[in-house]
Protein backbone atom coordinates (compact mmCIF):
# COMPACT_ATOMS: atom_id res chain seq x y z
CA MET A 1 14.19 19.05 -22.99
CA SER A 2 15.54 19.56 -19.47
CA ILE A 3 19.30 19.15 -19.07
CA GLY A 4 19.37 19.32 -15.30
CA ILE A 5 21.31 16.62 -13.49
CA ASN A 6 19.37 14.36 -11.19
CA LYS A 7 21.49 13.78 -8.09
CA GLU A 8 19.70 10.52 -7.33
CA ARG A 9 20.63 9.19 -10.79
CA VAL A 10 24.24 10.29 -10.31
CA LYS A 11 24.37 8.31 -7.08
CA LEU A 12 22.96 5.28 -8.91
CA TYR A 13 25.71 5.39 -11.54
CA LEU A 14 28.41 5.87 -8.94
CA TYR A 15 27.00 2.92 -7.03
CA LEU A 16 27.03 0.76 -10.17
CA ALA A 17 30.55 1.93 -10.94
CA GLY A 18 31.64 0.84 -7.48
CA ILE A 19 30.12 -2.61 -8.00
CA SER A 20 31.78 -2.88 -11.41
CA LEU A 21 35.16 -1.91 -9.92
CA LEU A 22 34.78 -4.47 -7.13
CA LEU A 23 33.92 -7.27 -9.55
CA SER A 24 36.83 -6.34 -11.79
CA ALA A 25 39.22 -6.31 -8.83
CA LEU A 26 38.09 -9.76 -7.72
CA ILE A 27 38.53 -11.15 -11.23
CA ASP A 28 41.98 -9.58 -11.58
CA PHE A 29 43.08 -10.89 -8.20
CA ALA A 30 41.90 -14.39 -9.06
CA SER A 31 43.58 -14.42 -12.49
CA ASP A 32 46.86 -12.61 -11.73
CA PRO A 33 47.47 -11.51 -8.11
CA GLU A 34 50.81 -9.82 -9.00
CA THR A 35 49.25 -7.26 -11.34
CA ALA A 36 45.87 -7.09 -9.64
CA LEU A 37 46.54 -3.72 -7.99
CA LYS A 38 47.77 -2.06 -11.19
CA SER A 39 44.83 -3.53 -13.12
CA SER A 40 42.39 -2.14 -10.57
CA VAL A 41 43.94 1.32 -10.85
CA ASN A 42 43.77 1.09 -14.66
CA TYR A 43 40.12 0.04 -14.56
CA THR A 44 39.31 2.87 -12.14
CA TRP A 45 40.88 5.37 -14.52
CA LEU A 46 38.93 4.04 -17.48
CA MET A 47 35.72 3.91 -15.43
CA LEU A 48 35.98 7.66 -14.76
CA TYR A 49 35.52 8.21 -18.48
CA VAL A 50 33.14 5.36 -19.26
CA VAL A 51 30.64 6.08 -16.48
CA VAL A 52 30.19 9.63 -17.81
CA LEU A 53 29.43 8.19 -21.26
CA HIS A 54 26.98 5.74 -19.73
CA PHE A 55 25.22 8.55 -17.91
CA ILE A 56 24.91 10.66 -21.07
CA LEU A 57 23.74 7.68 -23.15
CA PHE A 58 21.05 6.36 -20.79
CA GLU A 59 19.88 9.61 -19.20
CA TYR A 60 19.97 11.99 -22.17
CA THR A 61 20.59 10.44 -25.59
CA LEU A 62 18.18 7.50 -25.44
CA PRO A 63 15.35 9.48 -23.74
CA PHE A 64 15.88 12.22 -26.34
CA ILE A 65 15.22 9.94 -29.32
CA GLN A 66 12.72 7.60 -27.64
CA PHE A 67 9.16 7.70 -29.07
CA LYS A 68 9.92 10.94 -30.95
CA TRP A 69 9.50 10.36 -34.69
CA LYS A 70 11.18 13.60 -35.75
CA ARG A 71 14.16 12.90 -33.52
CA LEU A 72 14.53 9.39 -34.90
CA LEU A 73 16.12 10.96 -37.97
CA VAL A 74 19.14 12.00 -35.92
CA ALA A 75 19.22 8.77 -33.92
CA PRO A 76 21.79 7.02 -36.18
CA ILE A 77 24.10 10.00 -35.91
CA LEU A 78 23.87 10.13 -32.12
CA ILE A 79 24.42 6.38 -31.80
CA PHE A 80 27.42 6.56 -34.14
CA VAL A 81 28.93 9.38 -32.07
CA HIS A 82 28.53 7.32 -28.91
CA LEU A 83 30.14 4.29 -30.55
CA MET A 84 33.12 6.40 -31.55
CA LEU A 85 33.40 7.83 -28.06
CA TYR A 86 33.27 4.33 -26.58
CA ALA A 87 35.79 2.92 -29.07
CA PHE A 88 38.37 5.60 -29.84
CA GLY A 89 37.57 7.79 -26.85
CA THR A 90 38.28 5.01 -24.34
CA PHE A 91 41.62 4.21 -25.99
CA ALA A 92 42.50 7.92 -26.07
CA TRP A 93 41.61 8.18 -22.38
CA ARG A 94 43.99 5.30 -21.77
CA TYR A 95 46.75 7.23 -23.54
CA ILE A 96 46.07 10.32 -21.40
CA GLY A 97 46.35 8.17 -18.28
CA ILE A 98 49.70 6.82 -19.43
CA GLN A 99 51.01 10.36 -20.00
CA LEU A 100 49.85 11.35 -16.51
CA TYR A 101 51.49 8.23 -15.01
CA VAL A 102 48.10 7.11 -13.72
CA TYR A 103 47.61 4.22 -16.13
CA SER A 104 50.09 1.34 -16.27
CA PRO A 105 50.37 -0.15 -19.80
CA LEU A 106 50.26 -3.82 -18.87
CA LYS A 107 49.54 -4.76 -22.46
CA GLU A 108 51.18 -3.46 -25.64
CA TYR A 109 49.23 -3.17 -28.89
CA ALA A 110 50.70 -3.58 -32.35
CA SER A 111 48.40 -0.90 -33.74
CA ILE A 112 45.85 1.66 -32.63
CA ILE A 113 43.04 -0.36 -34.26
CA GLU A 114 43.96 -3.39 -32.16
CA GLY A 115 43.87 -1.31 -28.97
CA VAL A 116 40.60 0.33 -29.94
CA ARG A 117 39.02 -3.06 -30.70
CA ASP A 118 40.17 -4.51 -27.37
CA HIS A 119 38.90 -1.57 -25.30
CA PHE A 120 35.66 -1.36 -27.25
CA GLY A 121 34.85 -4.99 -26.48
CA ASN A 122 35.35 -4.43 -22.76
CA THR A 123 33.31 -1.24 -22.90
CA ILE A 124 30.32 -2.95 -24.53
CA GLY A 125 30.23 -5.38 -21.61
CA SER A 126 30.12 -2.38 -19.27
CA VAL A 127 27.26 -0.85 -21.30
CA LEU A 128 25.23 -4.04 -20.89
CA PHE A 129 25.95 -4.18 -17.16
CA PHE A 130 24.89 -0.57 -16.58
CA GLY A 131 21.89 -0.84 -18.90
CA ILE A 132 20.49 -4.00 -17.32
CA SER A 133 21.18 -2.77 -13.77
CA ARG A 134 19.54 0.57 -14.51
CA HIS A 135 16.47 -1.16 -15.96
CA ILE A 136 16.12 -3.41 -12.89
CA TYR A 137 16.49 -0.41 -10.57
CA ASP A 138 13.86 1.63 -12.46
CA TYR A 139 11.48 -1.33 -12.60
CA ARG A 140 11.70 -1.94 -8.86
CA LYS A 141 11.33 1.77 -8.16
CA LEU A 142 8.29 1.94 -10.44
CA ARG A 143 6.70 -1.03 -8.66
CA LYS A 144 7.40 0.55 -5.28
CA THR A 145 5.89 3.85 -6.42
CA ALA A 146 2.83 2.10 -7.85
CA GLN A 147 2.40 0.16 -4.62
CA GLN A 148 2.70 3.34 -2.57
CA LEU A 149 0.11 5.07 -4.75
CA ARG A 150 -2.20 2.09 -4.38
CA ILE A 151 -1.80 2.18 -0.59
CA GLU A 152 -2.47 5.93 -0.50
CA LYS A 153 -5.54 5.47 -2.69
CA GLN A 154 -6.86 2.72 -0.43
CA GLU A 155 -6.23 4.84 2.67
CA ALA A 156 -8.05 7.78 1.09
CA GLU A 157 -10.99 5.58 0.15
CA LEU A 158 -11.05 4.00 3.60
CA ASN A 159 -11.06 7.43 5.26
CA TYR A 160 -13.87 8.48 2.94
CA LEU A 161 -15.92 5.42 3.88
CA LYS A 162 -15.33 6.14 7.56
CA SER A 163 -16.38 9.75 7.04
CA GLN A 164 -19.64 8.43 5.61
CA THR A 165 -20.24 5.72 8.19
CA ASN A 166 -19.55 7.76 11.33
CA PRO A 167 -21.98 10.63 10.57
CA HIS A 168 -24.54 8.06 9.41
CA PHE A 169 -24.17 6.31 12.75
CA LEU A 170 -24.39 9.65 14.59
CA PHE A 171 -27.50 10.81 12.74
CA ASN A 172 -29.32 7.58 13.50
CA THR A 173 -28.46 7.95 17.18
CA LEU A 174 -29.66 11.58 17.20
CA ASN A 175 -32.92 10.45 15.66
CA ASN A 176 -33.36 8.06 18.57
CA ILE A 177 -32.81 10.87 21.06
CA TYR A 178 -35.17 13.11 19.10
CA SER A 179 -37.94 10.55 19.41
CA LEU A 180 -37.42 10.43 23.19
CA ALA A 181 -37.37 14.21 23.47
CA ARG A 182 -40.49 14.51 21.34
CA ASP A 183 -42.33 12.16 23.69
CA LYS A 184 -40.97 14.15 26.64
CA SER A 185 -39.42 10.98 27.99
CA ASP A 186 -37.50 11.12 31.25
CA LEU A 187 -34.88 8.96 29.53
CA ALA A 188 -33.80 11.74 27.17
CA PRO A 189 -31.09 13.13 29.52
CA GLU A 190 -29.64 9.66 30.05
CA SER A 191 -29.61 9.03 26.31
CA ILE A 192 -27.71 12.29 25.74
CA LEU A 193 -25.16 11.23 28.37
CA ARG A 194 -24.65 7.90 26.67
CA LEU A 195 -24.35 9.61 23.30
CA SER A 196 -21.65 11.89 24.69
CA LYS A 197 -19.66 8.81 25.73
CA ILE A 198 -19.98 7.40 22.23
CA LEU A 199 -18.91 10.71 20.68
CA ARG A 200 -15.92 10.92 23.01
CA PHE A 201 -14.85 7.49 21.83
CA MET A 202 -15.31 8.38 18.16
CA LEU A 203 -13.35 11.63 18.50
CA TYR A 204 -10.46 10.57 20.70
CA GLU A 205 -10.07 6.81 20.42
CA ALA A 206 -11.37 5.76 17.02
CA GLY A 207 -9.06 7.96 14.95
CA GLY A 208 -6.21 5.47 14.70
CA ALA A 209 -5.83 2.40 12.54
CA PHE A 210 -6.49 -0.05 15.39
CA ILE A 211 -8.08 -0.32 18.81
CA ALA A 212 -8.23 -3.18 21.30
CA ILE A 213 -11.19 -5.53 20.97
CA GLU A 214 -12.25 -4.64 24.51
CA GLN A 215 -12.75 -1.04 23.36
CA GLU A 216 -14.92 -2.18 20.46
CA LEU A 217 -16.97 -4.27 22.89
CA LYS A 218 -17.41 -1.25 25.14
CA ILE A 219 -18.75 0.96 22.35
CA ILE A 220 -21.14 -1.82 21.26
CA THR A 221 -22.38 -2.17 24.84
CA ASP A 222 -22.93 1.58 25.12
CA TYR A 223 -24.78 1.67 21.83
CA ILE A 224 -27.04 -1.23 22.82
CA ALA A 225 -27.82 0.49 26.14
CA LEU A 226 -28.65 3.69 24.26
CA GLU A 227 -30.97 1.87 21.88
CA GLN A 228 -32.73 0.01 24.69
CA LEU A 229 -33.85 3.32 26.15
CA ARG A 230 -36.28 3.64 23.24
CA TYR A 231 -38.02 0.34 23.87
CA ASP A 232 -39.97 -1.18 26.70
CA ASP A 233 -39.47 -4.62 28.17
CA SER A 234 -40.84 -6.24 25.02
CA LEU A 235 -37.41 -5.94 23.37
CA HIS A 236 -35.08 -8.82 24.19
CA VAL A 237 -31.38 -8.22 23.67
CA ASN A 238 -28.74 -10.89 24.14
CA PHE A 239 -25.10 -9.87 23.75
CA ASN A 240 -22.32 -12.33 24.63
CA TYR A 241 -18.75 -12.88 23.54
CA ASP A 242 -15.88 -15.33 23.76
CA VAL A 243 -12.55 -13.57 23.20
CA GLU A 244 -9.27 -15.22 24.10
CA ASP A 245 -7.30 -11.95 24.13
CA MET A 246 -9.06 -8.65 24.79
CA LYS A 247 -5.96 -6.69 23.70
CA GLN A 248 -6.04 -7.99 20.13
CA ALA A 249 -6.03 -5.23 17.51
CA LEU A 250 -9.12 -4.46 15.46
CA PRO A 251 -9.97 -1.54 13.14
CA PRO A 252 -12.21 0.84 15.11
CA LEU A 253 -16.00 0.77 14.66
CA LEU A 254 -15.77 -2.19 12.30
CA LEU A 255 -18.50 -4.20 13.99
CA ILE A 256 -20.91 -1.43 14.94
CA PRO A 257 -22.62 -1.20 11.49
CA LEU A 258 -24.06 -4.70 11.93
CA VAL A 259 -25.37 -3.83 15.40
CA GLU A 260 -26.80 -0.54 14.16
CA ASN A 261 -28.45 -2.33 11.23
CA ALA A 262 -30.11 -4.80 13.61
CA PHE A 263 -31.84 -1.99 15.52
CA LYS A 264 -32.58 0.53 12.78
CA HIS A 265 -33.71 -1.81 9.99
CA GLY A 266 -34.82 -4.75 12.11
CA VAL A 267 -36.18 -4.13 15.57
CA SER A 268 -37.67 -0.73 14.73
CA GLU A 269 -39.72 -2.33 11.95
CA SER A 270 -40.76 -5.45 13.88
CA ARG A 271 -44.35 -5.58 15.07
CA HIS A 272 -44.21 -8.72 17.21
CA GLN A 273 -41.63 -9.92 19.75
CA PRO A 274 -38.63 -7.79 18.69
CA PHE A 275 -35.25 -9.26 19.58
CA VAL A 276 -31.52 -8.88 18.88
CA ASP A 277 -29.00 -11.68 19.44
CA ILE A 278 -25.32 -10.77 19.14
CA HIS A 279 -22.39 -13.12 19.59
CA LEU A 280 -18.69 -12.36 19.10
CA SER A 281 -16.00 -15.02 19.06
CA VAL A 282 -12.28 -14.39 18.57
CA ASN A 283 -9.97 -17.38 18.86
CA LYS A 284 -6.60 -17.97 17.21
CA ARG A 285 -6.97 -14.74 15.22
CA GLN A 286 -10.26 -15.96 13.73
CA LEU A 287 -13.13 -13.55 14.38
CA THR A 288 -16.78 -14.55 14.03
CA PHE A 289 -19.48 -11.95 14.61
CA LEU A 290 -23.08 -13.18 14.44
CA VAL A 291 -26.01 -10.76 14.62
CA LYS A 292 -29.63 -11.94 14.48
CA ASN A 293 -32.63 -9.69 14.77
CA SER A 294 -36.37 -9.77 14.25
CA ALA A 295 -37.54 -8.49 10.88
CA GLU A 296 -40.63 -8.20 8.77
CA VAL A 297 -40.68 -9.42 5.16
CA PHE A 298 -43.14 -7.93 2.73
CA PRO A 299 -44.40 -9.89 -0.29
CA GLU A 300 -42.95 -7.45 -2.83
CA GLU A 301 -39.44 -7.85 -1.43
CA GLY A 302 -37.62 -10.65 -3.16
CA ARG A 303 -34.11 -10.05 -1.96
CA VAL A 304 -32.05 -8.51 0.83
CA LYS A 305 -31.55 -4.77 0.41
CA GLU A 306 -28.32 -3.47 1.88
CA ASN A 307 -28.22 0.04 3.29
CA ILE A 308 -25.25 2.41 3.27
CA GLY A 309 -23.90 0.95 6.51
CA LEU A 310 -23.62 -2.61 5.15
CA ALA A 311 -22.38 -1.43 1.74
CA ASN A 312 -19.62 0.64 3.34
CA LEU A 313 -18.73 -2.21 5.66
CA ARG A 314 -18.22 -4.54 2.70
CA ARG A 315 -15.90 -2.06 1.02
CA GLN A 316 -13.94 -1.43 4.21
CA LEU A 317 -13.46 -5.17 4.67
CA ALA A 318 -12.18 -5.46 1.10
CA LEU A 319 -9.62 -2.73 1.77
CA LEU A 320 -8.55 -4.00 5.18
CA PHE A 321 -8.45 -7.80 4.94
CA ALA A 322 -7.50 -10.44 2.40
CA ASP A 323 -9.47 -13.22 4.10
CA TYR A 324 -13.00 -12.38 5.23
CA GLN A 325 -16.63 -13.29 4.61
CA LEU A 326 -19.81 -11.29 5.19
CA LEU A 327 -23.09 -13.12 4.69
CA VAL A 328 -26.59 -11.72 5.18
CA GLN A 329 -29.77 -13.79 5.10
CA GLN A 330 -33.40 -12.71 5.29
CA ASP A 331 -35.92 -15.27 6.50
CA GLU A 332 -39.60 -14.66 7.12
CA HIS A 333 -39.14 -13.09 10.54
CA VAL A 334 -35.36 -13.17 11.16
CA PHE A 335 -32.49 -11.26 9.59
CA THR A 336 -29.04 -12.82 10.10
CA ALA A 337 -25.65 -11.23 9.44
CA THR A 338 -22.52 -13.33 9.81
CA LEU A 339 -19.07 -11.79 9.62
CA LYS A 340 -15.91 -13.92 9.62
CA ILE A 341 -12.45 -12.39 9.50
CA ASN A 342 -8.98 -13.82 9.62
CA LEU A 343 -7.38 -10.99 11.60
CA ALA A 344 -3.93 -12.15 10.50
CA SER A 345 -4.84 -11.33 6.88
CA HIS A 346 -4.80 -7.55 7.46
CA VAL A 347 -3.25 -5.87 4.42
């Protein structure tokens, strides 16, 4: 068993002793103002002894015997020793104070037993005060620690999800450029330039917890322009937005997975009249992001299959916001994703 002294715990007991002294002084002043000063000095002297006993009891004795069956055999002895120290020890400490002219005997006792009984009763009240206060302090500290661990775990998971999503987004974009280069398209250099702009954003601007909505709109616009290089005029893209405040904060690259999904798993697989309709609305901290795209449904597919981008997006939303909704719907030729977020519910 370690017998080192925790400085933080010492500060706690000194703090509780100060509160106890203040309460005692207020009570003494209210009951008898003439002897209030002497009573406060007496209580301070006794507290010097009692607080050490409290510290030993709560920090060493009780932890020593707690949940240890072999040590429970000596528990009655240790408790008895503490009771004697609280009862006779406190009265003896009073006597030492009187001899040192520190303690003023405001009350005379007919016998030692009477004095011991009186001081023991007051000491038990102090034990309860320190014990309850210590329990409340430890409980609040434990909750704070648990909350901090939960936050750190969520941050680690969120960073992991981002580390998955960003390379996934990058690889899909590189595949687009590869297809242009393979066809020896004159648009390949322009696509590389646009990709470099997207990478610059991801490296230097998307590393923080938030970006302005106008920055998110810019990266979406660049990504759409990059994707359009792969298609001819048969692809129809409509992107519009209604945002009351472009400086509102938004987690970076939160919306791009839905846009990427529309092109990679929608337009690229559409055989007739491919299209993408995107609308963003942010008013009174309520965000609505609607993405529709052409899609093909095969008879063997009975439900919507979510790829890694949508799955990660759902988990990120769960970690970031308390009030949100992400709905996806597959019709015969249209795939619709609707994202609604109460931006004020960020956790």
